[in-house]
Amino acid sequence: MRIYIPATLHEVRQENFGAGGRVIHALTPLLREYFERVEKRSYDDESLEYAAFIAAADTAIDLLAHSENEPLQRVVIAADVPDDFVTLVNQAEDHTLRGAELPSAMELRQPVTLTEIVSFHVDEDTSRVANVLRAAINGGEEEREKADELDLLWFDVSELSELS
């Protein structure tokens, strides 16, 4: 199963890619159902995977909002894991986990290693990007949508040292 792990650069530099109790995002049955109900049409898996990726990027904004001395750059880690690494988040529960309310949310039950990671996706390190992310952290839905328009740079797992 392809999952998208919201993270910070500090976590990546410490090679802490996730452990139990962490919200990740994936193409879930709830995500497919959500788009069919709201948009009144079906989407292909690639489009739904992209929606899960964007949800992870949005959750990374929340991680940045609660991190001190962290560079203002979102990180999304794409990984292929066995199905038993994750479980669906109970949407009816009152969650304190950031991103748990989204239809793509799942809970990571196992730590992810470099073996499962496919790629890293990171915001550019520019003042323009930092300003957009700062506005998204402090603003509302409109500011978050502007952050969604930013492209994240793609790094192969073998390029981990370039993120340090």
N, C-alpha and C. Protein backbone atom coordinates (compact mmCIF):
# COMPACT_ATOMS: atom_id res chain seq x y z
N MET A 1 0.85 -1.17 0.00
CA MET A 1 0.00 0.00 0.00
C MET A 1 0.90 1.23 0.00
N ARG A 2 0.58 2.20 -0.86
CA ARG A 2 1.32 3.46 -0.90
C ARG A 2 0.73 4.39 0.16
N ILE A 3 1.60 4.91 1.01
CA ILE A 3 1.18 5.86 2.04
C ILE A 3 1.98 7.14 1.91
N TYR A 4 1.42 8.20 2.47
CA TYR A 4 2.06 9.51 2.45
C TYR A 4 2.16 9.99 3.90
N ILE A 5 3.40 10.14 4.35
CA ILE A 5 3.66 10.49 5.75
C ILE A 5 4.01 11.97 5.83
N PRO A 6 3.18 12.77 6.52
CA PRO A 6 3.55 14.17 6.75
C PRO A 6 4.70 14.21 7.75
N ALA A 7 5.68 15.08 7.50
CA ALA A 7 6.84 15.13 8.37
C ALA A 7 7.45 16.52 8.35
N THR A 8 8.50 16.68 9.14
CA THR A 8 9.28 17.91 9.16
C THR A 8 10.71 17.56 8.73
N LEU A 9 11.47 18.57 8.34
CA LEU A 9 12.86 18.32 7.96
C LEU A 9 13.67 17.77 9.13
N HIS A 10 13.36 18.23 10.33
CA HIS A 10 14.07 17.72 11.51
C HIS A 10 13.88 16.20 11.63
N GLU A 11 12.67 15.74 11.43
CA GLU A 11 12.41 14.29 11.51
C GLU A 11 13.20 13.54 10.44
N VAL A 12 13.24 14.09 9.24
CA VAL A 12 13.96 13.43 8.15
C VAL A 12 15.45 13.41 8.46
N ARG A 13 15.97 14.51 8.96
CA ARG A 13 17.40 14.56 9.29
C ARG A 13 17.76 13.60 10.41
N GLN A 14 16.83 13.36 11.31
CA GLN A 14 17.05 12.41 12.41
C GLN A 14 16.71 10.98 11.98
N GLU A 15 16.31 10.83 10.72
CA GLU A 15 15.87 9.55 10.17
C GLU A 15 14.76 8.92 11.01
N ASN A 16 13.85 9.78 11.44
CA ASN A 16 12.65 9.35 12.16
C ASN A 16 11.49 9.49 11.18
N PHE A 17 11.13 8.39 10.55
CA PHE A 17 10.15 8.44 9.48
C PHE A 17 8.75 8.04 9.90
N GLY A 18 8.53 7.92 11.16
CA GLY A 18 7.19 7.60 11.62
C GLY A 18 7.18 6.36 12.50
N ALA A 19 6.26 6.39 13.43
CA ALA A 19 6.10 5.26 14.34
C ALA A 19 4.63 5.16 14.67
N GLY A 20 4.30 4.24 15.55
CA GLY A 20 2.90 4.04 15.91
C GLY A 20 2.25 5.31 16.43
N GLY A 21 0.96 5.43 16.17
CA GLY A 21 0.20 6.57 16.66
C GLY A 21 0.29 7.80 15.79
N ARG A 22 0.81 7.67 14.59
CA ARG A 22 0.99 8.82 13.70
C ARG A 22 -0.02 8.75 12.56
N VAL A 23 -0.62 9.88 12.25
CA VAL A 23 -1.54 9.95 11.12
C VAL A 23 -0.76 10.05 9.82
N ILE A 24 -1.12 9.19 8.90
CA ILE A 24 -0.58 9.24 7.54
C ILE A 24 -1.79 9.31 6.60
N HIS A 25 -1.55 9.44 5.32
CA HIS A 25 -2.65 9.52 4.36
C HIS A 25 -2.43 8.52 3.24
N ALA A 26 -3.55 8.02 2.73
CA ALA A 26 -3.51 7.02 1.67
C ALA A 26 -4.85 7.03 0.93
N LEU A 27 -4.90 6.30 -0.17
CA LEU A 27 -6.15 6.13 -0.89
C LEU A 27 -6.98 5.13 -0.07
N THR A 28 -7.92 5.65 0.68
CA THR A 28 -8.78 4.83 1.54
C THR A 28 -10.16 4.69 0.90
N PRO A 29 -10.94 3.71 1.33
CA PRO A 29 -12.33 3.63 0.86
C PRO A 29 -13.11 4.89 1.19
N LEU A 30 -12.83 5.50 2.35
CA LEU A 30 -13.51 6.74 2.72
C LEU A 30 -13.19 7.88 1.77
N LEU A 31 -11.95 7.95 1.30
CA LEU A 31 -11.56 8.99 0.36
C LEU A 31 -12.30 8.82 -0.97
N ARG A 32 -12.35 7.59 -1.46
CA ARG A 32 -13.07 7.32 -2.71
C ARG A 32 -14.55 7.68 -2.55
N GLU A 33 -15.15 7.25 -1.44
CA GLU A 33 -16.56 7.54 -1.17
C GLU A 33 -16.82 9.04 -1.05
N TYR A 34 -15.91 9.74 -0.39
CA TYR A 34 -16.04 11.20 -0.22
C TYR A 34 -16.12 11.90 -1.58
N PHE A 35 -15.20 11.58 -2.48
CA PHE A 35 -15.20 12.25 -3.79
C PHE A 35 -16.42 11.86 -4.62
N GLU A 36 -16.86 10.63 -4.53
CA GLU A 36 -18.06 10.22 -5.26
C GLU A 36 -19.29 10.95 -4.74
N ARG A 37 -19.36 11.13 -3.42
CA ARG A 37 -20.51 11.80 -2.81
C ARG A 37 -20.48 13.31 -3.06
N VAL A 38 -19.34 13.93 -2.87
CA VAL A 38 -19.24 15.38 -3.00
C VAL A 38 -19.18 15.83 -4.45
N GLU A 39 -18.36 15.17 -5.24
CA GLU A 39 -18.17 15.56 -6.64
C GLU A 39 -19.18 14.90 -7.57
N LYS A 40 -19.90 13.91 -7.08
CA LYS A 40 -20.90 13.19 -7.87
C LYS A 40 -20.31 12.50 -9.09
N ARG A 41 -19.05 12.06 -8.95
CA ARG A 41 -18.42 11.29 -10.02
C ARG A 41 -17.27 10.48 -9.45
N SER A 42 -16.82 9.50 -10.20
CA SER A 42 -15.71 8.66 -9.78
C SER A 42 -14.40 9.26 -10.27
N TYR A 43 -13.36 9.00 -9.51
CA TYR A 43 -12.02 9.43 -9.89
C TYR A 43 -11.13 8.20 -10.00
N ASP A 44 -10.11 8.28 -10.87
CA ASP A 44 -9.18 7.16 -10.99
C ASP A 44 -8.24 7.15 -9.78
N ASP A 45 -7.57 6.03 -9.61
CA ASP A 45 -6.69 5.87 -8.45
C ASP A 45 -5.59 6.93 -8.40
N GLU A 46 -5.05 7.31 -9.55
CA GLU A 46 -3.98 8.31 -9.58
C GLU A 46 -4.47 9.64 -9.02
N SER A 47 -5.65 10.06 -9.37
CA SER A 47 -6.21 11.31 -8.85
C SER A 47 -6.47 11.22 -7.35
N LEU A 48 -6.95 10.07 -6.90
CA LEU A 48 -7.20 9.89 -5.47
C LEU A 48 -5.90 9.81 -4.68
N GLU A 49 -4.86 9.22 -5.26
CA GLU A 49 -3.54 9.20 -4.62
C GLU A 49 -3.02 10.64 -4.46
N TYR A 50 -3.24 11.46 -5.48
CA TYR A 50 -2.81 12.86 -5.40
C TYR A 50 -3.57 13.59 -4.29
N ALA A 51 -4.85 13.31 -4.14
CA ALA A 51 -5.63 13.92 -3.06
C ALA A 51 -5.07 13.52 -1.69
N ALA A 52 -4.67 12.26 -1.55
CA ALA A 52 -4.06 11.80 -0.30
C ALA A 52 -2.72 12.48 -0.07
N PHE A 53 -1.95 12.67 -1.13
CA PHE A 53 -0.67 13.37 -1.05
C PHE A 53 -0.87 14.80 -0.56
N ILE A 54 -1.86 15.50 -1.13
CA ILE A 54 -2.15 16.88 -0.72
C ILE A 54 -2.62 16.92 0.73
N ALA A 55 -3.39 15.93 1.15
CA ALA A 55 -3.82 15.87 2.55
C ALA A 55 -2.60 15.73 3.47
N ALA A 56 -1.61 14.94 3.06
CA ALA A 56 -0.39 14.81 3.85
C ALA A 56 0.37 16.13 3.89
N ALA A 57 0.41 16.84 2.77
CA ALA A 57 1.07 18.15 2.75
C ALA A 57 0.36 19.13 3.67
N ASP A 58 -0.97 19.07 3.70
CA ASP A 58 -1.74 19.93 4.62
C ASP A 58 -1.46 19.57 6.07
N THR A 59 -1.36 18.29 6.36
CA THR A 59 -1.06 17.86 7.73
C THR A 59 0.36 18.29 8.11
N ALA A 60 1.27 18.34 7.14
CA ALA A 60 2.63 18.81 7.42
C ALA A 60 2.61 20.28 7.85
N ILE A 61 1.67 21.06 7.33
CA ILE A 61 1.52 22.45 7.78
C ILE A 61 1.20 22.47 9.27
N ASP A 62 0.30 21.59 9.69
CA ASP A 62 -0.05 21.52 11.11
C ASP A 62 1.15 21.11 11.96
N LEU A 63 1.97 20.21 11.45
CA LEU A 63 3.18 19.83 12.17
C LEU A 63 4.12 21.02 12.32
N LEU A 64 4.27 21.80 11.26
CA LEU A 64 5.12 22.99 11.31
C LEU A 64 4.59 24.01 12.32
N ALA A 65 3.27 24.12 12.39
CA ALA A 65 2.65 25.09 13.31
C ALA A 65 2.97 24.75 14.76
N HIS A 66 3.24 23.50 15.05
CA HIS A 66 3.48 23.08 16.43
C HIS A 66 4.94 22.68 16.66
N SER A 67 5.82 23.08 15.76
CA SER A 67 7.25 22.78 15.89
C SER A 67 8.02 24.09 16.05
N GLU A 68 8.94 24.09 16.98
CA GLU A 68 9.78 25.26 17.18
C GLU A 68 11.09 25.10 16.43
N ASN A 69 11.59 26.20 15.91
CA ASN A 69 12.89 26.24 15.23
C ASN A 69 12.96 25.28 14.04
N GLU A 70 11.83 25.06 13.42
CA GLU A 70 11.76 24.16 12.26
C GLU A 70 11.74 25.01 10.99
N PRO A 71 12.56 24.66 9.97
CA PRO A 71 12.47 25.40 8.70
C PRO A 71 11.04 25.32 8.15
N LEU A 72 10.58 26.41 7.57
CA LEU A 72 9.22 26.43 7.01
C LEU A 72 9.22 25.73 5.65
N GLN A 73 9.28 24.42 5.71
CA GLN A 73 9.21 23.57 4.53
C GLN A 73 8.43 22.32 4.90
N ARG A 74 7.38 22.04 4.13
CA ARG A 74 6.64 20.80 4.35
C ARG A 74 7.43 19.63 3.79
N VAL A 75 7.24 18.48 4.41
CA VAL A 75 7.84 17.24 3.92
C VAL A 75 6.73 16.20 3.84
N VAL A 76 6.69 15.50 2.73
CA VAL A 76 5.80 14.35 2.58
C VAL A 76 6.68 13.19 2.14
N ILE A 77 6.60 12.10 2.90
CA ILE A 77 7.38 10.90 2.60
C ILE A 77 6.43 9.89 1.95
N ALA A 78 6.77 9.46 0.76
CA ALA A 78 5.98 8.42 0.08
C ALA A 78 6.65 7.08 0.39
N ALA A 79 5.83 6.11 0.82
CA ALA A 79 6.37 4.79 1.16
C ALA A 79 5.39 3.71 0.73
N ASP A 80 5.94 2.57 0.41
CA ASP A 80 5.13 1.38 0.11
C ASP A 80 5.29 0.42 1.28
N VAL A 81 4.18 0.17 1.97
CA VAL A 81 4.23 -0.66 3.18
C VAL A 81 3.20 -1.78 3.09
N PRO A 82 3.41 -2.86 3.85
CA PRO A 82 2.39 -3.90 3.92
C PRO A 82 1.12 -3.34 4.56
N ASP A 83 -0.01 -3.88 4.19
CA ASP A 83 -1.30 -3.40 4.69
C ASP A 83 -1.38 -3.40 6.22
N ASP A 84 -0.69 -4.35 6.87
CA ASP A 84 -0.80 -4.41 8.32
C ASP A 84 0.02 -3.34 9.05
N PHE A 85 0.73 -2.49 8.30
CA PHE A 85 1.44 -1.36 8.90
C PHE A 85 0.48 -0.24 9.29
N VAL A 86 -0.72 -0.24 8.71
CA VAL A 86 -1.67 0.87 8.92
C VAL A 86 -3.04 0.34 9.30
N THR A 87 -3.82 1.21 9.89
CA THR A 87 -5.21 0.89 10.20
C THR A 87 -6.03 2.15 9.94
N LEU A 88 -7.29 1.96 9.59
CA LEU A 88 -8.16 3.11 9.38
C LEU A 88 -8.35 3.86 10.69
N VAL A 89 -8.43 5.16 10.59
CA VAL A 89 -8.72 6.00 11.75
C VAL A 89 -10.21 5.97 11.98
N ASN A 90 -10.62 5.80 13.20
CA ASN A 90 -12.04 5.83 13.54
C ASN A 90 -12.52 7.28 13.45
N GLN A 91 -13.27 7.61 12.39
CA GLN A 91 -13.71 8.98 12.15
C GLN A 91 -14.68 9.49 13.21
N ALA A 92 -15.31 8.60 13.94
CA ALA A 92 -16.29 9.00 14.95
C ALA A 92 -15.62 9.45 16.25
N GLU A 93 -14.36 9.08 16.44
CA GLU A 93 -13.67 9.44 17.67
C GLU A 93 -13.24 10.90 17.64
N ASP A 94 -13.07 11.48 18.84
CA ASP A 94 -12.53 12.82 18.97
C ASP A 94 -11.01 12.70 18.95
N HIS A 95 -10.38 13.11 17.86
CA HIS A 95 -8.95 12.90 17.70
C HIS A 95 -8.14 14.13 18.05
N THR A 96 -7.03 13.90 18.67
CA THR A 96 -6.05 14.95 18.88
C THR A 96 -4.93 14.83 17.86
N LEU A 97 -4.92 13.76 17.08
CA LEU A 97 -3.91 13.57 16.05
C LEU A 97 -4.22 14.49 14.87
N ARG A 98 -3.25 15.31 14.47
CA ARG A 98 -3.45 16.24 13.37
C ARG A 98 -3.72 15.48 12.07
N GLY A 99 -4.74 15.92 11.33
CA GLY A 99 -5.09 15.30 10.05
C GLY A 99 -6.00 14.11 10.15
N ALA A 100 -6.35 13.68 11.37
CA ALA A 100 -7.16 12.48 11.56
C ALA A 100 -8.58 12.63 11.04
N GLU A 101 -9.05 13.87 10.89
CA GLU A 101 -10.42 14.10 10.46
C GLU A 101 -10.60 13.97 8.94
N LEU A 102 -9.53 13.87 8.19
CA LEU A 102 -9.60 13.81 6.73
C LEU A 102 -9.94 12.40 6.25
N PRO A 103 -10.67 12.27 5.13
CA PRO A 103 -11.09 10.94 4.67
C PRO A 103 -9.94 10.05 4.20
N SER A 104 -8.76 10.62 4.01
CA SER A 104 -7.59 9.83 3.61
C SER A 104 -6.76 9.38 4.81
N ALA A 105 -7.18 9.74 6.01
CA ALA A 105 -6.38 9.49 7.21
C ALA A 105 -6.35 8.02 7.59
N MET A 106 -5.16 7.58 7.93
CA MET A 106 -4.94 6.25 8.49
C MET A 106 -3.93 6.44 9.62
N GLU A 107 -3.85 5.42 10.48
CA GLU A 107 -2.88 5.48 11.55
C GLU A 107 -1.75 4.51 11.25
N LEU A 108 -0.53 5.00 11.36
CA LEU A 108 0.64 4.18 11.14
C LEU A 108 0.92 3.37 12.41
N ARG A 109 0.98 2.05 12.26
CA ARG A 109 1.15 1.17 13.43
C ARG A 109 2.58 0.68 13.59
N GLN A 110 3.38 0.76 12.53
CA GLN A 110 4.76 0.26 12.53
C GLN A 110 5.69 1.39 12.10
N PRO A 111 6.90 1.40 12.61
CA PRO A 111 7.88 2.38 12.10
C PRO A 111 8.21 2.08 10.64
N VAL A 112 8.47 3.12 9.88
CA VAL A 112 8.85 2.98 8.47
C VAL A 112 10.36 3.17 8.38
N THR A 113 11.01 2.33 7.58
CA THR A 113 12.45 2.42 7.39
C THR A 113 12.74 2.86 5.96
N LEU A 114 14.02 3.09 5.67
CA LEU A 114 14.41 3.46 4.31
C LEU A 114 14.05 2.39 3.30
N THR A 115 13.91 1.16 3.74
CA THR A 115 13.53 0.07 2.83
C THR A 115 12.15 0.30 2.22
N GLU A 116 11.21 0.85 3.00
CA GLU A 116 9.85 1.07 2.51
C GLU A 116 9.69 2.41 1.79
N ILE A 117 10.58 3.36 2.05
CA ILE A 117 10.44 4.71 1.48
C ILE A 117 10.77 4.70 -0.01
N VAL A 118 9.92 5.38 -0.76
CA VAL A 118 10.10 5.51 -2.20
C VAL A 118 10.70 6.87 -2.55
N SER A 119 10.19 7.92 -1.90
CA SER A 119 10.64 9.27 -2.22
C SER A 119 10.29 10.24 -1.10
N PHE A 120 10.98 11.37 -1.14
CA PHE A 120 10.72 12.49 -0.25
C PHE A 120 10.25 13.66 -1.11
N HIS A 121 9.31 14.42 -0.59
CA HIS A 121 8.79 15.59 -1.29
C HIS A 121 8.89 16.76 -0.32
N VAL A 122 9.59 17.82 -0.75
CA VAL A 122 9.94 18.91 0.16
C VAL A 122 9.72 20.24 -0.55
N ASP A 123 9.21 21.21 0.22
CA ASP A 123 9.07 22.57 -0.32
C ASP A 123 10.44 23.15 -0.62
N GLU A 124 10.48 24.03 -1.62
CA GLU A 124 11.69 24.80 -1.89
C GLU A 124 12.03 25.65 -0.68
N ASP A 125 13.31 25.89 -0.50
CA ASP A 125 13.78 26.72 0.61
C ASP A 125 13.94 28.15 0.10
N THR A 126 12.78 28.84 -0.06
CA THR A 126 12.79 30.23 -0.52
C THR A 126 11.93 31.08 0.42
N SER A 127 12.17 32.37 0.41
CA SER A 127 11.38 33.26 1.26
C SER A 127 9.93 33.31 0.79
N ARG A 128 9.69 33.18 -0.52
CA ARG A 128 8.31 33.18 -1.02
C ARG A 128 7.53 32.00 -0.47
N VAL A 129 8.14 30.81 -0.51
CA VAL A 129 7.48 29.61 0.01
C VAL A 129 7.27 29.76 1.52
N ALA A 130 8.28 30.23 2.23
CA ALA A 130 8.15 30.41 3.68
C ALA A 130 7.02 31.37 4.01
N ASN A 131 6.86 32.42 3.23
CA ASN A 131 5.77 33.39 3.48
C ASN A 131 4.41 32.76 3.25
N VAL A 132 4.28 31.95 2.19
CA VAL A 132 3.01 31.27 1.92
C VAL A 132 2.69 30.30 3.05
N LEU A 133 3.68 29.55 3.51
CA LEU A 133 3.45 28.59 4.59
C LEU A 133 3.16 29.29 5.91
N ARG A 134 3.83 30.39 6.19
CA ARG A 134 3.55 31.17 7.40
C ARG A 134 2.09 31.65 7.38
N ALA A 135 1.65 32.13 6.21
CA ALA A 135 0.26 32.59 6.07
C ALA A 135 -0.70 31.42 6.26
N ALA A 136 -0.34 30.24 5.75
CA ALA A 136 -1.20 29.06 5.90
C ALA A 136 -1.30 28.64 7.36
N ILE A 137 -0.20 28.74 8.08
CA ILE A 137 -0.19 28.39 9.50
C ILE A 137 -1.07 29.34 10.30
N ASN A 138 -0.98 30.61 9.98
CA ASN A 138 -1.69 31.64 10.76
C ASN A 138 -3.05 32.02 10.20
N GLY A 139 -3.37 31.55 9.01
CA GLY A 139 -4.60 31.98 8.35
C GLY A 139 -5.67 30.91 8.33
N GLY A 140 -6.52 31.04 7.34
CA GLY A 140 -7.66 30.14 7.20
C GLY A 140 -7.55 29.28 5.96
N GLU A 141 -8.71 28.87 5.48
CA GLU A 141 -8.80 27.95 4.34
C GLU A 141 -8.19 28.54 3.07
N GLU A 142 -8.42 29.81 2.84
CA GLU A 142 -7.89 30.45 1.62
C GLU A 142 -6.36 30.40 1.58
N GLU A 143 -5.73 30.65 2.73
CA GLU A 143 -4.27 30.62 2.80
C GLU A 143 -3.74 29.19 2.63
N ARG A 144 -4.49 28.22 3.16
CA ARG A 144 -4.08 26.82 2.99
C ARG A 144 -4.19 26.41 1.52
N GLU A 145 -5.20 26.89 0.84
CA GLU A 145 -5.35 26.57 -0.59
C GLU A 145 -4.18 27.12 -1.39
N LYS A 146 -3.67 28.30 -1.00
CA LYS A 146 -2.49 28.85 -1.69
C LYS A 146 -1.28 27.96 -1.46
N ALA A 147 -1.16 27.41 -0.27
CA ALA A 147 -0.06 26.48 0.01
C ALA A 147 -0.20 25.22 -0.85
N ASP A 148 -1.43 24.77 -1.08
CA ASP A 148 -1.66 23.58 -1.92
C ASP A 148 -1.19 23.80 -3.35
N GLU A 149 -1.10 25.05 -3.77
CA GLU A 149 -0.66 25.36 -5.13
C GLU A 149 0.86 25.29 -5.30
N LEU A 150 1.59 25.25 -4.18
CA LEU A 150 3.05 25.15 -4.25
C LEU A 150 3.45 23.73 -4.66
N ASP A 151 4.44 23.64 -5.51
CA ASP A 151 4.98 22.34 -5.89
C ASP A 151 6.04 21.91 -4.90
N LEU A 152 5.99 20.67 -4.49
CA LEU A 152 7.04 20.13 -3.64
C LEU A 152 8.09 19.49 -4.53
N LEU A 153 9.36 19.67 -4.17
CA LEU A 153 10.46 19.08 -4.92
C LEU A 153 10.51 17.58 -4.62
N TRP A 154 10.87 16.79 -5.62
CA TRP A 154 10.92 15.34 -5.49
C TRP A 154 12.36 14.90 -5.28
N PHE A 155 12.58 14.06 -4.26
CA PHE A 155 13.89 13.48 -3.99
C PHE A 155 13.74 11.96 -3.90
N ASP A 156 14.58 11.26 -4.62
CA ASP A 156 14.61 9.81 -4.52
C ASP A 156 15.14 9.45 -3.13
N VAL A 157 14.80 8.27 -2.65
CA VAL A 157 15.26 7.83 -1.34
C VAL A 157 16.79 7.84 -1.26
N SER A 158 17.47 7.59 -2.38
CA SER A 158 18.93 7.60 -2.40
C SER A 158 19.51 9.01 -2.21
N GLU A 159 18.67 10.04 -2.29
CA GLU A 159 19.12 11.43 -2.15
C GLU A 159 18.87 11.98 -0.74
N LEU A 160 18.68 11.11 0.22
CA LEU A 160 18.40 11.53 1.59
C LEU A 160 19.45 12.51 2.11
N SER A 161 20.70 12.29 1.80
CA SER A 161 21.77 13.16 2.30
C SER A 161 21.62 14.60 1.81
N GLU A 162 20.96 14.81 0.68
CA GLU A 162 20.74 16.17 0.17
C GLU A 162 19.73 16.93 0.99
N LEU A 163 18.96 16.24 1.82
CA LEU A 163 17.99 16.90 2.68
C LEU A 163 18.59 17.26 4.03
N SER A 164 19.80 16.81 4.29
CA SER A 164 20.44 17.05 5.60
C SER A 164 21.18 18.36 5.62
